[in-house]
Amino acid sequence: MMLQKRIDRAMDWLKKQNKSEVDDSNEELEKDEEYVELEKNDILALFISSLLVFGPIVLVLIGIIIWAYKL
């Protein structure tokens, strides 16, 4: 293949760059792994948001089930 040495050199350089980026990101993740405590109102907010997301889906499924049994 034409210019194979250059391609190999470029691939080696990319592999070294990826290794250094992975090492840096692992160090940042270890620093950011602090335990975050939830407050009293956070649980309520999570519950309400889950109802807003999954509520319409559940209602549509219930409607389909009721409609299917009426046929």
PDB file of N, CA and C in Angstrom:
ATOM      1  N   MET A   1       0.846  -1.173   0.000  1.00  0.00           N
ATOM      2  CA  MET A   1       0.000   0.000   0.000  1.00  0.00           C
ATOM      3  C   MET A   1       0.893   1.237   0.000  1.00  0.00           C
ATOM      4  N   MET A   2       0.415   2.248  -0.657  1.00  0.00           N
ATOM      5  CA  MET A   2       1.194   3.470  -0.777  1.00  0.00           C
ATOM      6  C   MET A   2       1.228   4.228   0.549  1.00  0.00           C
ATOM      7  N   LEU A   3       2.369   4.718   0.938  1.00  0.00           N
ATOM      8  CA  LEU A   3       2.553   5.527   2.149  1.00  0.00           C
ATOM      9  C   LEU A   3       2.179   4.771   3.431  1.00  0.00           C
ATOM     10  N   GLN A   4       2.423   3.468   3.474  1.00  0.00           N
ATOM     11  CA  GLN A   4       2.052   2.662   4.633  1.00  0.00           C
ATOM     12  C   GLN A   4       2.785   3.098   5.897  1.00  0.00           C
ATOM     13  N   LYS A   5       4.061   3.513   5.772  1.00  0.00           N
ATOM     14  CA  LYS A   5       4.812   3.946   6.947  1.00  0.00           C
ATOM     15  C   LYS A   5       4.177   5.175   7.583  1.00  0.00           C
ATOM     16  N   ARG A   6       3.719   6.101   6.774  1.00  0.00           N
ATOM     17  CA  ARG A   6       3.075   7.306   7.311  1.00  0.00           C
ATOM     18  C   ARG A   6       1.762   6.961   8.013  1.00  0.00           C
ATOM     19  N   ILE A   7       1.016   6.050   7.411  1.00  0.00           N
ATOM     20  CA  ILE A   7      -0.251   5.644   8.019  1.00  0.00           C
ATOM     21  C   ILE A   7      -0.004   4.973   9.361  1.00  0.00           C
ATOM     22  N   ASP A   8       0.981   4.089   9.419  1.00  0.00           N
ATOM     23  CA  ASP A   8       1.316   3.418  10.670  1.00  0.00           C
ATOM     24  C   ASP A   8       1.762   4.412  11.733  1.00  0.00           C
ATOM     25  N   ARG A   9       2.572   5.376  11.334  1.00  0.00           N
ATOM     26  CA  ARG A   9       3.029   6.398  12.268  1.00  0.00           C
ATOM     27  C   ARG A   9       1.862   7.221  12.801  1.00  0.00           C
ATOM     28  N   ALA A  10       0.937   7.571  11.915  1.00  0.00           N
ATOM     29  CA  ALA A  10      -0.231   8.350  12.332  1.00  0.00           C
ATOM     30  C   ALA A  10      -1.107   7.547  13.280  1.00  0.00           C
ATOM     31  N   MET A  11      -1.287   6.267  13.002  1.00  0.00           N
ATOM     32  CA  MET A  11      -2.105   5.425  13.877  1.00  0.00           C
ATOM     33  C   MET A  11      -1.462   5.268  15.250  1.00  0.00           C
ATOM     34  N   ASP A  12      -0.140   5.095  15.297  1.00  0.00           N
ATOM     35  CA  ASP A  12       0.565   5.014  16.578  1.00  0.00           C
ATOM     36  C   ASP A  12       0.393   6.302  17.373  1.00  0.00           C
ATOM     37  N   TRP A  13       0.487   7.434  16.681  1.00  0.00           N
ATOM     38  CA  TRP A  13       0.330   8.727  17.348  1.00  0.00           C
ATOM     39  C   TRP A  13      -1.079   8.863  17.920  1.00  0.00           C
ATOM     40  N   LEU A  14      -2.091   8.436  17.159  1.00  0.00           N
ATOM     41  CA  LEU A  14      -3.473   8.501  17.634  1.00  0.00           C
ATOM     42  C   LEU A  14      -3.688   7.604  18.850  1.00  0.00           C
ATOM     43  N   LYS A  15      -3.091   6.412  18.832  1.00  0.00           N
ATOM     44  CA  LYS A  15      -3.225   5.504  19.969  1.00  0.00           C
ATOM     45  C   LYS A  15      -2.622   6.120  21.233  1.00  0.00           C
ATOM     46  N   LYS A  16      -1.468   6.767  21.093  1.00  0.00           N
ATOM     47  CA  LYS A  16      -0.836   7.416  22.241  1.00  0.00           C
ATOM     48  C   LYS A  16      -1.698   8.567  22.755  1.00  0.00           C
ATOM     49  N   GLN A  17      -2.291   9.330  21.850  1.00  0.00           N
ATOM     50  CA  GLN A  17      -3.156  10.444  22.253  1.00  0.00           C
ATOM     51  C   GLN A  17      -4.384   9.931  22.991  1.00  0.00           C
ATOM     52  N   ASN A  18      -4.986   8.858  22.502  1.00  0.00           N
ATOM     53  CA  ASN A  18      -6.167   8.299  23.150  1.00  0.00           C
ATOM     54  C   ASN A  18      -5.836   7.773  24.537  1.00  0.00           C
ATOM     55  N   LYS A  19      -4.676   7.140  24.695  1.00  0.00           N
ATOM     56  CA  LYS A  19      -4.284   6.637  26.008  1.00  0.00           C
ATOM     57  C   LYS A  19      -4.119   7.767  27.005  1.00  0.00           C
ATOM     58  N   SER A  20      -3.502   8.863  26.579  1.00  0.00           N
ATOM     59  CA  SER A  20      -3.302   9.981  27.499  1.00  0.00           C
ATOM     60  C   SER A  20      -4.623  10.650  27.838  1.00  0.00           C
ATOM     61  N   GLU A  21      -5.554  10.723  26.883  1.00  0.00           N
ATOM     62  CA  GLU A  21      -6.861  11.322  27.160  1.00  0.00           C
ATOM     63  C   GLU A  21      -7.657  10.453  28.120  1.00  0.00           C
ATOM     64  N   VAL A  22      -7.579   9.142  27.972  1.00  0.00           N
ATOM     65  CA  VAL A  22      -8.291   8.227  28.856  1.00  0.00           C
ATOM     66  C   VAL A  22      -7.736   8.346  30.267  1.00  0.00           C
ATOM     67  N   ASP A  23      -6.426   8.424  30.403  1.00  0.00           N
ATOM     68  CA  ASP A  23      -5.815   8.556  31.718  1.00  0.00           C
ATOM     69  C   ASP A  23      -6.248   9.860  32.384  1.00  0.00           C
ATOM     70  N   ASP A  24      -6.301  10.958  31.627  1.00  0.00           N
ATOM     71  CA  ASP A  24      -6.721  12.242  32.181  1.00  0.00           C
ATOM     72  C   ASP A  24      -8.181  12.212  32.601  1.00  0.00           C
ATOM     73  N   SER A  25      -9.035  11.590  31.798  1.00  0.00           N
ATOM     74  CA  SER A  25     -10.455  11.557  32.130  1.00  0.00           C
ATOM     75  C   SER A  25     -10.700  10.671  33.350  1.00  0.00           C
ATOM     76  N   ASN A  26      -9.923   9.594  33.528  1.00  0.00           N
ATOM     77  CA  ASN A  26     -10.072   8.753  34.706  1.00  0.00           C
ATOM     78  C   ASN A  26      -9.717   9.519  35.972  1.00  0.00           C
ATOM     79  N   GLU A  27      -8.695  10.342  35.913  1.00  0.00           N
ATOM     80  CA  GLU A  27      -8.311  11.147  37.070  1.00  0.00           C
ATOM     81  C   GLU A  27      -9.408  12.160  37.403  1.00  0.00           C
ATOM     82  N   GLU A  28     -10.013  12.758  36.383  1.00  0.00           N
ATOM     83  CA  GLU A  28     -11.084  13.722  36.621  1.00  0.00           C
ATOM     84  C   GLU A  28     -12.308  13.039  37.217  1.00  0.00           C
ATOM     85  N   LEU A  29     -12.625  11.827  36.753  1.00  0.00           N
ATOM     86  CA  LEU A  29     -13.774  11.103  37.286  1.00  0.00           C
ATOM     87  C   LEU A  29     -13.561  10.739  38.744  1.00  0.00           C
ATOM     88  N   GLU A  30     -12.356  10.352  39.098  1.00  0.00           N
ATOM     89  CA  GLU A  30     -12.074  10.012  40.487  1.00  0.00           C
ATOM     90  C   GLU A  30     -12.229  11.228  41.387  1.00  0.00           C
ATOM     91  N   LYS A  31     -11.874  12.406  40.896  1.00  0.00           N
ATOM     92  CA  LYS A  31     -12.021  13.624  41.686  1.00  0.00           C
ATOM     93  C   LYS A  31     -13.484  13.998  41.852  1.00  0.00           C
ATOM     94  N   ASP A  32     -14.302  13.725  40.826  1.00  0.00           N
ATOM     95  CA  ASP A  32     -15.703  14.131  40.845  1.00  0.00           C
ATOM     96  C   ASP A  32     -16.617  13.145  41.555  1.00  0.00           C
ATOM     97  N   GLU A  33     -16.102  12.008  41.978  1.00  0.00           N
ATOM     98  CA  GLU A  33     -16.935  10.989  42.615  1.00  0.00           C
ATOM     99  C   GLU A  33     -17.165  11.314  44.089  1.00  0.00           C
ATOM    100  N   GLU A  34     -17.894  12.354  44.318  1.00  0.00           N
ATOM    101  CA  GLU A  34     -18.270  12.711  45.681  1.00  0.00           C
ATOM    102  C   GLU A  34     -19.733  12.340  45.880  1.00  0.00           C
ATOM    103  N   TYR A  35     -20.064  11.892  47.066  1.00  0.00           N
ATOM    104  CA  TYR A  35     -21.425  11.500  47.367  1.00  0.00           C
ATOM    105  C   TYR A  35     -22.278  12.745  47.532  1.00  0.00           C
ATOM    106  N   VAL A  36     -23.364  12.813  46.775  1.00  0.00           N
ATOM    107  CA  VAL A  36     -24.280  13.938  46.851  1.00  0.00           C
ATOM    108  C   VAL A  36     -25.525  13.479  47.585  1.00  0.00           C
ATOM    109  N   GLU A  37     -25.806  14.104  48.691  1.00  0.00           N
ATOM    110  CA  GLU A  37     -26.975  13.721  49.467  1.00  0.00           C
ATOM    111  C   GLU A  37     -28.215  14.386  48.895  1.00  0.00           C
ATOM    112  N   LEU A  38     -29.303  13.626  48.850  1.00  0.00           N
ATOM    113  CA  LEU A  38     -30.565  14.161  48.377  1.00  0.00           C
ATOM    114  C   LEU A  38     -31.288  14.851  49.526  1.00  0.00           C
ATOM    115  N   GLU A  39     -31.927  15.943  49.195  1.00  0.00           N
ATOM    116  CA  GLU A  39     -32.717  16.639  50.200  1.00  0.00           C
ATOM    117  C   GLU A  39     -34.129  16.079  50.201  1.00  0.00           C
ATOM    118  N   LYS A  40     -34.928  16.532  51.143  1.00  0.00           N
ATOM    119  CA  LYS A  40     -36.288  16.035  51.304  1.00  0.00           C
ATOM    120  C   LYS A  40     -37.116  16.285  50.047  1.00  0.00           C
ATOM    121  N   ASN A  41     -37.017  17.455  49.468  1.00  0.00           N
ATOM    122  CA  ASN A  41     -37.838  17.807  48.320  1.00  0.00           C
ATOM    123  C   ASN A  41     -37.300  17.227  47.017  1.00  0.00           C
ATOM    124  N   ASP A  42     -36.091  16.737  47.013  1.00  0.00           N
ATOM    125  CA  ASP A  42     -35.534  16.140  45.803  1.00  0.00           C
ATOM    126  C   ASP A  42     -36.268  14.845  45.446  1.00  0.00           C
ATOM    127  N   ILE A  43     -36.614  14.061  46.454  1.00  0.00           N
ATOM    128  CA  ILE A  43     -37.334  12.814  46.210  1.00  0.00           C
ATOM    129  C   ILE A  43     -38.697  13.114  45.593  1.00  0.00           C
ATOM    130  N   LEU A  44     -39.386  14.112  46.111  1.00  0.00           N
ATOM    131  CA  LEU A  44     -40.692  14.504  45.569  1.00  0.00           C
ATOM    132  C   LEU A  44     -40.554  14.975  44.122  1.00  0.00           C
ATOM    133  N   ALA A  45     -39.521  15.741  43.851  1.00  0.00           N
ATOM    134  CA  ALA A  45     -39.302  16.227  42.488  1.00  0.00           C
ATOM    135  C   ALA A  45     -39.013  15.073  41.533  1.00  0.00           C
ATOM    136  N   LEU A  46     -38.245  14.093  41.973  1.00  0.00           N
ATOM    137  CA  LEU A  46     -37.976  12.927  41.141  1.00  0.00           C
ATOM    138  C   LEU A  46     -39.247  12.141  40.865  1.00  0.00           C
ATOM    139  N   PHE A  47     -40.095  12.000  41.864  1.00  0.00           N
ATOM    140  CA  PHE A  47     -41.352  11.273  41.698  1.00  0.00           C
ATOM    141  C   PHE A  47     -42.278  11.990  40.728  1.00  0.00           C
ATOM    142  N   ILE A  48     -42.408  13.300  40.868  1.00  0.00           N
ATOM    143  CA  ILE A  48     -43.273  14.080  39.981  1.00  0.00           C
ATOM    144  C   ILE A  48     -42.751  14.048  38.546  1.00  0.00           C
ATOM    145  N   SER A  49     -41.459  14.179  38.379  1.00  0.00           N
ATOM    146  CA  SER A  49     -40.910  14.149  37.020  1.00  0.00           C
ATOM    147  C   SER A  49     -41.086  12.778  36.380  1.00  0.00           C
ATOM    148  N   SER A  50     -40.976  11.710  37.165  1.00  0.00           N
ATOM    149  CA  SER A  50     -41.204  10.379  36.598  1.00  0.00           C
ATOM    150  C   SER A  50     -42.661  10.203  36.196  1.00  0.00           C
ATOM    151  N   LEU A  51     -43.586  10.765  36.970  1.00  0.00           N
ATOM    152  CA  LEU A  51     -44.995  10.709  36.582  1.00  0.00           C
ATOM    153  C   LEU A  51     -45.243  11.486  35.298  1.00  0.00           C
ATOM    154  N   LEU A  52     -44.605  12.628  35.156  1.00  0.00           N
ATOM    155  CA  LEU A  52     -44.774  13.428  33.941  1.00  0.00           C
ATOM    156  C   LEU A  52     -44.213  12.719  32.712  1.00  0.00           C
ATOM    157  N   VAL A  53     -43.148  11.961  32.899  1.00  0.00           N
ATOM    158  CA  VAL A  53     -42.533  11.270  31.764  1.00  0.00           C
ATOM    159  C   VAL A  53     -43.287   9.991  31.428  1.00  0.00           C
ATOM    160  N   PHE A  54     -43.551   9.154  32.435  1.00  0.00           N
ATOM    161  CA  PHE A  54     -44.120   7.839  32.178  1.00  0.00           C
ATOM    162  C   PHE A  54     -45.640   7.801  32.292  1.00  0.00           C
ATOM    163  N   GLY A  55     -46.255   8.811  32.880  1.00  0.00           N
ATOM    164  CA  GLY A  55     -47.711   8.840  33.031  1.00  0.00           C
ATOM    165  C   GLY A  55     -48.460   8.752  31.717  1.00  0.00           C
ATOM    166  N   PRO A  56     -48.158   9.593  30.743  1.00  0.00           N
ATOM    167  CA  PRO A  56     -48.880   9.497  29.466  1.00  0.00           C
ATOM    168  C   PRO A  56     -48.696   8.147  28.772  1.00  0.00           C
ATOM    169  N   ILE A  57     -47.531   7.574  28.889  1.00  0.00           N
ATOM    170  CA  ILE A  57     -47.285   6.267  28.274  1.00  0.00           C
ATOM    171  C   ILE A  57     -48.168   5.210  28.933  1.00  0.00           C
ATOM    172  N   VAL A  58     -48.239   5.235  30.244  1.00  0.00           N
ATOM    173  CA  VAL A  58     -49.068   4.272  30.970  1.00  0.00           C
ATOM    174  C   VAL A  58     -50.533   4.474  30.622  1.00  0.00           C
ATOM    175  N   LEU A  59     -50.986   5.729  30.539  1.00  0.00           N
ATOM    176  CA  LEU A  59     -52.386   5.991  30.192  1.00  0.00           C
ATOM    177  C   LEU A  59     -52.728   5.483  28.799  1.00  0.00           C
ATOM    178  N   VAL A  60     -51.840   5.670  27.853  1.00  0.00           N
ATOM    179  CA  VAL A  60     -52.077   5.174  26.495  1.00  0.00           C
ATOM    180  C   VAL A  60     -52.131   3.650  26.494  1.00  0.00           C
ATOM    181  N   LEU A  61     -51.238   2.998  27.213  1.00  0.00           N
ATOM    182  CA  LEU A  61     -51.259   1.538  27.277  1.00  0.00           C
ATOM    183  C   LEU A  61     -52.534   1.019  27.930  1.00  0.00           C
ATOM    184  N   ILE A  62     -52.973   1.668  28.988  1.00  0.00           N
ATOM    185  CA  ILE A  62     -54.230   1.273  29.639  1.00  0.00           C
ATOM    186  C   ILE A  62     -55.397   1.460  28.676  1.00  0.00           C
ATOM    187  N   GLY A  63     -55.387   2.573  27.937  1.00  0.00           N
ATOM    188  CA  GLY A  63     -56.442   2.811  26.949  1.00  0.00           C
ATOM    189  C   GLY A  63     -56.463   1.735  25.869  1.00  0.00           C
ATOM    190  N   ILE A  64     -55.312   1.318  25.410  1.00  0.00           N
ATOM    191  CA  ILE A  64     -55.224   0.267  24.383  1.00  0.00           C
ATOM    192  C   ILE A  64     -55.740  -1.051  24.940  1.00  0.00           C
ATOM    193  N   ILE A  65     -55.392  -1.362  26.180  1.00  0.00           N
ATOM    194  CA  ILE A  65     -55.852  -2.605  26.790  1.00  0.00           C
ATOM    195  C   ILE A  65     -57.360  -2.600  26.941  1.00  0.00           C
ATOM    196  N   ILE A  66     -57.929  -1.505  27.412  1.00  0.00           N
ATOM    197  CA  ILE A  66     -59.389  -1.402  27.573  1.00  0.00           C
ATOM    198  C   ILE A  66     -60.069  -1.502  26.215  1.00  0.00           C
ATOM    199  N   TRP A  67     -59.542  -0.838  25.223  1.00  0.00           N
ATOM    200  CA  TRP A  67     -60.107  -0.865  23.873  1.00  0.00           C
ATOM    201  C   TRP A  67     -60.047  -2.284  23.287  1.00  0.00           C
ATOM    202  N   ALA A  68     -58.950  -2.997  23.572  1.00  0.00           N
ATOM    203  CA  ALA A  68     -58.797  -4.352  23.045  1.00  0.00           C
ATOM    204  C   ALA A  68     -59.801  -5.310  23.666  1.00  0.00           C
ATOM    205  N   TYR A  69     -60.117  -5.143  24.956  1.00  0.00           N
ATOM    206  CA  TYR A  69     -61.049  -6.037  25.608  1.00  0.00           C
ATOM    207  C   TYR A  69     -62.494  -5.741  25.226  1.00  0.00           C
ATOM    208  N   LYS A  70     -62.778  -4.522  24.788  1.00  0.00           N
ATOM    209  CA  LYS A  70     -64.140  -4.189  24.365  1.00  0.00           C
ATOM    210  C   LYS A  70     -64.470  -4.801  23.014  1.00  0.00           C
ATOM    211  N   LEU A  71     -63.441  -5.090  22.224  1.00  0.00           N
ATOM    212  CA  LEU A  71     -63.694  -5.674  20.900  1.00  0.00           C
ATOM    213  C   LEU A  71     -64.006  -7.105  21.090  1.00  0.00           C
TER     214      LEU A  71
END
